[in-house]
Amino acid sequence: MAKLPLTFACGPYDRMEALNYGLIPVEGIDLNFIEIQAPREIFDRMVGAQEFDVSEMSLAEYITMTAKGISPFIALPVFPSKAFRHAFICVNREAGIKEPKDLAGKRIGTPLYTQTAAIWIRGDLQNIYGVDLSDVQWIQGAVEKAGTHGDPPAPPQLQKPVDITPNTSDKSLSQMLADGDIDAIMGSRMPDSVRTDPDRVAHLFPDFREEEKRYYQEHRIHPIMHTIVIRNDVYEANKWIAQSLYKAFLAAKDWAVEQMYFSGAQKYMLPWLFDDLREIDQVFGGDPWPYGIDENRPTLYAFVKYMHQQNFIPEEIPVDDLFAPIHGRTD
């Protein structure tokens, strides 16, 4: 019997390498892996034209569409992109920001107000650090160049309006931060100026690695940025593919972990990789990147709560309702 051909657009992550290189078969599926380095491009092409059968997708965009009842996709509990975000809050040293609460009332740059990373940061600042962001003026634009980040709608469709101003200057947000035109940046990209201009730009949390470990150990949250979605028409015609794909994604992740732990020759240019891996085992109990709903329930619950608080969705959605049913690991 011929395999079902499916296109799959995703970034070239280590946990996807085995699928990208065809090292792991996908049961019943002939998977055409389309490698695209830019997540925003994948999202725009998938949401705008449903260009792929399966793709990586912004968790925030997927939940927003699902809450409105207009999602053309169903998600798998597979999360190709996760990232702690404390390191991504950077401040101008002259802005008087010494602790999170000092962000209140400031001018803060962000690539997109609606992006998943920005929602995570605002939600954590409000719920964990007690920051009042109600009077912040948000400056929206690309971090590394002048202009916009992707092709965003304007203004975002929120339940309540927010003070968002597009960056119309000839500077990137990173340069604006160094020059003091904005007081802080938060979002999916770290500004280059925190590295190239450390006399003027600093991390809000100087020892962000320790703060992120403390945050995880206390709240069991490892922020999810992206999920995997299947077009509804493809899924409805072939519901078995959810199970088959999920099994393959798990196998590919396990392959990547095995490669990472191989000590004969280091796969990554990280001089203290094996000490980092020892720390990962201690903090995450052996699996730093679990898939599945139960394994990520605290994280998913927090994000749905944050989206409701920030007026993206009218009410909280049960996290189990967001994903196609998967019956166990299916090894």
Protein backbone atom coordinates (compact mmCIF):
# COMPACT_ATOMS: atom_id res chain seq x y z
CA MET A 1 0.00 0.00 0.00
CA ALA A 2 1.38 3.41 -0.95
CA LYS A 3 2.32 5.76 1.85
CA LEU A 4 0.41 9.01 2.34
CA PRO A 5 2.54 11.97 1.14
CA LEU A 6 2.60 14.87 3.59
CA THR A 7 4.54 18.13 3.57
CA PHE A 8 5.97 19.26 6.89
CA ALA A 9 7.51 22.73 7.42
CA CYS A 10 9.70 23.18 10.48
CA GLY A 11 12.95 24.67 11.71
CA PRO A 12 16.14 22.57 11.57
CA TYR A 13 16.16 21.72 15.27
CA ASP A 14 18.26 18.88 16.67
CA ARG A 15 15.03 17.15 17.79
CA MET A 16 13.87 17.19 14.16
CA GLU A 17 17.15 16.16 12.49
CA ALA A 18 16.31 12.45 12.27
CA LEU A 19 13.11 13.27 10.36
CA ASN A 20 14.80 15.88 8.21
CA TYR A 21 17.51 13.41 7.18
CA GLY A 22 15.11 10.50 6.76
CA LEU A 23 16.79 8.48 9.51
CA ILE A 24 13.48 7.57 11.17
CA PRO A 25 10.48 6.28 9.18
CA VAL A 26 7.02 7.69 9.79
CA GLU A 27 4.56 4.81 9.77
CA GLY A 28 2.28 5.01 6.71
CA ILE A 29 3.56 8.46 5.73
CA ASP A 30 5.98 9.71 3.10
CA LEU A 31 7.11 12.87 4.92
CA ASN A 32 8.53 15.72 2.86
CA PHE A 33 10.45 17.78 5.43
CA ILE A 34 10.64 21.41 4.31
CA GLU A 35 13.38 23.09 6.32
CA ILE A 36 12.71 26.77 7.01
CA GLN A 37 14.95 28.59 9.47
CA ALA A 38 12.53 31.51 10.07
CA PRO A 39 9.52 30.56 12.24
CA ARG A 40 7.64 33.73 11.31
CA GLU A 41 7.79 32.73 7.64
CA ILE A 42 6.36 29.29 8.44
CA PHE A 43 3.50 30.77 10.46
CA ASP A 44 2.63 33.40 7.85
CA ARG A 45 2.61 30.84 5.03
CA MET A 46 0.61 28.30 7.01
CA VAL A 47 -1.99 30.69 8.44
CA GLY A 48 -2.24 32.80 5.29
CA ALA A 49 -2.37 30.11 2.62
CA GLN A 50 -2.39 26.78 4.51
CA GLU A 51 0.62 25.98 2.37
CA PHE A 52 1.70 22.80 4.20
CA ASP A 53 -0.07 19.68 5.43
CA VAL A 54 1.74 19.81 8.77
CA SER A 55 3.86 22.58 10.25
CA GLU A 56 5.44 24.20 13.22
CA MET A 57 3.08 26.87 14.62
CA SER A 58 3.08 29.66 17.19
CA LEU A 59 1.32 28.39 20.30
CA ALA A 60 -0.30 31.80 20.85
CA GLU A 61 -1.67 32.01 17.31
CA TYR A 62 -3.02 28.49 17.45
CA ILE A 63 -4.78 29.05 20.79
CA THR A 64 -6.20 32.38 19.62
CA MET A 65 -7.67 30.82 16.47
CA THR A 66 -9.01 27.85 18.44
CA ALA A 67 -10.67 30.08 21.04
CA LYS A 68 -12.41 32.02 18.28
CA GLY A 69 -13.59 28.79 16.63
CA ILE A 70 -11.81 29.64 13.38
CA SER A 71 -8.74 27.42 13.54
CA PRO A 72 -8.11 25.48 10.32
CA PHE A 73 -5.71 23.27 12.28
CA ILE A 74 -5.54 20.64 15.02
CA ALA A 75 -2.39 20.47 17.14
CA LEU A 76 -0.26 17.60 18.34
CA PRO A 77 1.20 17.78 21.87
CA VAL A 78 4.66 18.15 20.31
CA PHE A 79 6.68 21.26 21.13
CA PRO A 80 9.65 21.90 18.88
CA SER A 81 10.49 25.23 20.52
CA LYS A 82 10.72 25.94 24.23
CA ALA A 83 12.70 28.70 25.91
CA PHE A 84 13.06 30.25 29.33
CA ARG A 85 12.65 33.97 28.80
CA HIS A 86 14.32 35.71 31.75
CA ALA A 87 17.47 36.29 29.67
CA PHE A 88 15.41 38.03 26.99
CA ILE A 89 14.44 41.00 29.19
CA CYS A 90 17.09 43.64 28.59
CA VAL A 91 17.19 47.20 29.92
CA ASN A 92 18.98 50.48 29.34
CA ARG A 93 21.33 51.01 32.26
CA GLU A 94 20.23 54.66 32.64
CA ALA A 95 16.49 53.87 32.74
CA GLY A 96 16.39 53.30 36.51
CA ILE A 97 15.31 49.68 36.21
CA LYS A 98 16.91 47.67 39.00
CA GLU A 99 14.21 45.05 39.59
CA PRO A 100 11.17 43.77 37.69
CA LYS A 101 8.68 46.17 39.32
CA ASP A 102 10.66 49.11 37.92
CA LEU A 103 9.34 48.22 34.44
CA ALA A 104 5.98 49.79 35.35
CA GLY A 105 5.19 52.80 33.18
CA LYS A 106 8.24 52.41 30.93
CA ARG A 107 8.64 52.44 27.14
CA ILE A 108 9.30 48.82 26.21
CA GLY A 109 10.16 47.40 22.82
CA THR A 110 8.83 44.07 21.60
CA PRO A 111 8.93 42.42 18.16
CA LEU A 112 5.20 41.65 18.26
CA TYR A 113 2.88 42.24 21.19
CA THR A 114 1.02 39.09 20.15
CA GLN A 115 4.02 36.75 19.94
CA THR A 116 4.20 33.78 22.28
CA ALA A 117 7.49 34.85 23.88
CA ALA A 118 6.11 38.30 24.74
CA ILE A 119 2.96 36.80 26.26
CA TRP A 120 5.10 34.51 28.42
CA ILE A 121 7.28 37.37 29.65
CA ARG A 122 4.36 39.66 30.47
CA GLY A 123 2.50 36.82 32.18
CA ASP A 124 5.48 35.87 34.32
CA LEU A 125 6.21 39.49 35.21
CA GLN A 126 2.59 40.01 36.30
CA ASN A 127 1.91 36.71 38.06
CA ILE A 128 5.29 35.75 39.50
CA TYR A 129 7.05 39.09 40.01
CA GLY A 130 4.04 41.32 40.70
CA VAL A 131 4.77 43.87 37.95
CA ASP A 132 2.04 46.35 36.96
CA LEU A 133 2.27 46.63 33.16
CA SER A 134 -0.98 48.55 32.70
CA ASP A 135 0.73 51.88 31.91
CA VAL A 136 3.54 50.57 29.73
CA GLN A 137 3.90 52.06 26.25
CA TRP A 138 4.78 49.21 23.89
CA ILE A 139 7.00 49.97 20.89
CA GLN A 140 6.58 47.24 18.31
CA GLY A 141 9.18 46.45 15.66
CA ALA A 142 12.09 44.28 14.59
CA VAL A 143 14.88 43.89 17.13
CA GLU A 144 17.78 43.58 14.69
CA LYS A 145 16.72 46.05 11.96
CA ALA A 146 14.42 49.02 11.41
CA GLY A 147 10.81 48.30 10.50
CA THR A 148 8.43 45.52 11.44
CA HIS A 149 8.95 41.96 12.60
CA GLY A 150 7.28 39.92 9.85
CA ASP A 151 3.99 41.20 8.45
CA PRO A 152 1.88 41.80 11.56
CA PRO A 153 -1.77 42.87 11.53
CA ALA A 154 -2.33 46.29 13.08
CA PRO A 155 -3.61 46.67 15.67
CA PRO A 156 -3.81 43.20 17.26
CA GLN A 157 -7.35 41.99 17.85
CA LEU A 158 -7.59 42.01 21.65
CA GLN A 159 -10.57 41.98 23.98
CA LYS A 160 -9.36 45.36 25.34
CA PRO A 161 -7.10 47.92 23.63
CA VAL A 162 -3.43 48.26 24.55
CA ASP A 163 -1.05 51.19 23.98
CA ILE A 164 1.06 49.87 21.07
CA THR A 165 3.09 52.18 18.84
CA PRO A 166 4.90 50.90 15.72
CA ASN A 167 8.58 51.72 15.44
CA THR A 168 8.73 54.13 12.50
CA SER A 169 12.29 55.30 13.17
CA ASP A 170 15.32 54.30 11.12
CA LYS A 171 16.72 52.36 14.09
CA SER A 172 16.32 48.79 15.24
CA LEU A 173 14.84 48.22 18.68
CA SER A 174 18.29 47.05 19.77
CA GLN A 175 19.82 50.40 18.79
CA MET A 176 16.92 52.31 20.32
CA LEU A 177 17.58 50.52 23.60
CA ALA A 178 21.29 51.40 23.57
CA ASP A 179 20.47 55.04 22.71
CA GLY A 180 17.86 55.32 25.47
CA ASP A 181 14.94 55.84 23.09
CA ILE A 182 13.24 52.93 24.85
CA ASP A 183 13.84 51.68 28.38
CA ALA A 184 13.67 47.92 27.87
CA ILE A 185 13.15 45.11 25.36
CA MET A 186 11.33 41.82 25.87
CA GLY A 187 10.38 39.14 23.38
CA SER A 188 11.72 36.36 21.24
CA ARG A 189 15.08 37.90 20.35
CA MET A 190 17.87 39.10 22.58
CA PRO A 191 19.12 42.52 21.38
CA ASP A 192 22.62 42.48 19.94
CA SER A 193 23.39 45.58 22.01
CA VAL A 194 23.40 43.59 25.25
CA ARG A 195 26.52 41.90 23.87
CA THR A 196 28.05 44.67 21.76
CA ASP A 197 27.26 47.64 24.05
CA PRO A 198 27.33 46.27 27.63
CA ASP A 199 28.09 49.69 29.12
CA ARG A 200 24.62 50.86 28.08
CA VAL A 201 22.51 47.68 27.93
CA ALA A 202 22.14 44.94 30.55
CA HIS A 203 20.01 41.91 31.40
CA LEU A 204 17.25 42.59 33.92
CA PHE A 205 18.26 39.35 35.63
CA PRO A 206 22.10 39.38 35.61
CA ASP A 207 22.30 35.74 36.74
CA PHE A 208 19.41 34.66 34.55
CA ARG A 209 20.41 30.99 34.42
CA GLU A 210 20.04 30.58 38.17
CA GLU A 211 16.78 32.54 38.14
CA GLU A 212 15.39 30.34 35.37
CA LYS A 213 16.31 27.17 37.26
CA ARG A 214 14.64 28.50 40.40
CA TYR A 215 11.54 29.43 38.37
CA TYR A 216 11.33 25.95 36.86
CA GLN A 217 11.89 24.14 40.14
CA GLU A 218 9.21 26.21 41.89
CA HIS A 219 6.57 26.38 39.13
CA ARG A 220 7.41 23.38 36.85
CA ILE A 221 7.08 25.66 33.84
CA HIS A 222 9.36 25.38 30.80
CA PRO A 223 7.78 27.93 28.45
CA ILE A 224 6.48 26.46 25.18
CA MET A 225 6.84 28.68 22.12
CA HIS A 226 5.66 26.47 19.25
CA THR A 227 3.55 23.40 18.69
CA ILE A 228 2.92 21.21 15.63
CA VAL A 229 -0.35 21.56 13.70
CA ILE A 230 -2.08 19.49 11.04
CA ARG A 231 -4.53 21.05 8.60
CA ASN A 232 -8.05 20.06 9.60
CA ASP A 233 -8.94 18.76 6.14
CA VAL A 234 -5.89 16.49 6.13
CA TYR A 235 -6.56 15.28 9.68
CA GLU A 236 -10.27 14.61 9.14
CA ALA A 237 -9.50 12.49 6.08
CA ASN A 238 -6.72 10.54 7.84
CA LYS A 239 -7.09 10.69 11.63
CA TRP A 240 -4.55 7.91 12.08
CA ILE A 241 -1.75 10.26 11.06
CA ALA A 242 -1.83 12.02 14.46
CA GLN A 243 -0.69 8.84 16.19
CA SER A 244 1.85 8.01 13.52
CA LEU A 245 3.38 11.48 13.51
CA TYR A 246 3.47 11.67 17.30
CA LYS A 247 5.34 8.38 17.48
CA ALA A 248 7.86 9.62 14.91
CA PHE A 249 8.37 12.95 16.71
CA LEU A 250 9.10 11.10 19.93
CA ALA A 251 11.57 8.80 18.19
CA ALA A 252 13.32 11.76 16.58
CA LYS A 253 13.65 13.53 19.92
CA ASP A 254 15.05 10.39 21.55
CA TRP A 255 17.57 10.11 18.71
CA ALA A 256 18.67 13.71 19.27
CA VAL A 257 19.13 13.14 23.01
CA GLU A 258 21.23 10.05 22.32
CA GLN A 259 23.43 12.06 19.95
CA MET A 260 23.80 14.85 22.48
CA TYR A 261 25.02 12.47 25.20
CA PHE A 262 27.54 10.73 22.92
CA SER A 263 30.95 11.47 24.45
CA GLY A 264 33.27 10.16 21.71
CA ALA A 265 33.26 13.53 19.96
CA GLN A 266 31.12 16.50 20.93
CA LYS A 267 28.26 17.25 18.54
CA TYR A 268 27.91 20.87 19.71
CA MET A 269 30.46 23.65 20.20
CA LEU A 270 29.81 23.81 23.95
CA PRO A 271 33.06 23.30 25.89
CA TRP A 272 31.27 22.22 29.08
CA LEU A 273 28.52 20.26 27.36
CA PHE A 274 28.80 17.21 29.61
CA ASP A 275 28.62 19.27 32.78
CA ASP A 276 25.57 20.99 31.28
CA LEU A 277 24.03 17.57 30.63
CA ARG A 278 24.68 16.53 34.22
CA GLU A 279 22.88 19.68 35.36
CA ILE A 280 19.99 18.98 32.97
CA ASP A 281 19.60 15.52 34.52
CA GLN A 282 19.51 17.04 37.99
CA VAL A 283 17.00 19.79 37.16
CA PHE A 284 14.74 18.01 34.66
CA GLY A 285 14.98 14.44 35.88
CA GLY A 286 16.44 13.08 32.66
CA ASP A 287 14.09 14.54 30.04
CA PRO A 288 14.56 18.26 29.38
CA TRP A 289 12.09 18.33 26.49
CA PRO A 290 9.03 16.14 27.13
CA TYR A 291 6.15 15.94 24.68
CA GLY A 292 2.57 15.11 25.66
CA ILE A 293 -0.13 17.00 27.56
CA ASP A 294 0.36 15.62 31.07
CA GLU A 295 4.11 16.15 30.95
CA ASN A 296 3.53 19.82 30.08
CA ARG A 297 0.30 20.53 31.95
CA PRO A 298 1.64 23.24 34.34
CA THR A 299 3.21 25.05 31.38
CA LEU A 300 0.12 24.80 29.17
CA TYR A 301 -2.21 25.81 31.99
CA ALA A 302 -0.10 28.89 32.78
CA PHE A 303 0.00 30.00 29.16
CA VAL A 304 -3.77 29.70 28.64
CA LYS A 305 -4.22 31.70 31.86
CA TYR A 306 -1.83 34.39 30.63
CA MET A 307 -3.62 34.65 27.29
CA HIS A 308 -6.92 35.18 29.07
CA GLN A 309 -5.43 37.76 31.44
CA GLN A 310 -3.93 39.66 28.52
CA ASN A 311 -7.23 39.73 26.63
CA PHE A 312 -6.29 37.47 23.75
CA ILE A 313 -9.08 34.99 24.49
CA PRO A 314 -12.44 35.59 26.21
CA GLU A 315 -12.13 32.62 28.56
CA GLU A 316 -9.65 29.93 29.50
CA ILE A 317 -9.72 26.80 27.33
CA PRO A 318 -9.17 23.34 28.87
CA VAL A 319 -5.70 22.35 27.69
CA ASP A 320 -6.87 18.83 26.77
CA ASP A 321 -9.23 20.37 24.19
CA LEU A 322 -6.35 21.93 22.27
CA PHE A 323 -4.81 18.72 20.93
CA ALA A 324 -5.66 15.73 18.82
CA PRO A 325 -6.17 12.59 20.96
CA ILE A 326 -3.01 10.53 21.38
CA HIS A 327 -3.20 7.13 23.05
CA GLY A 328 0.03 6.62 24.97
CA ARG A 329 3.54 6.68 23.64
CA THR A 330 2.90 3.90 21.07
CA ASP A 331 6.46 2.59 21.12
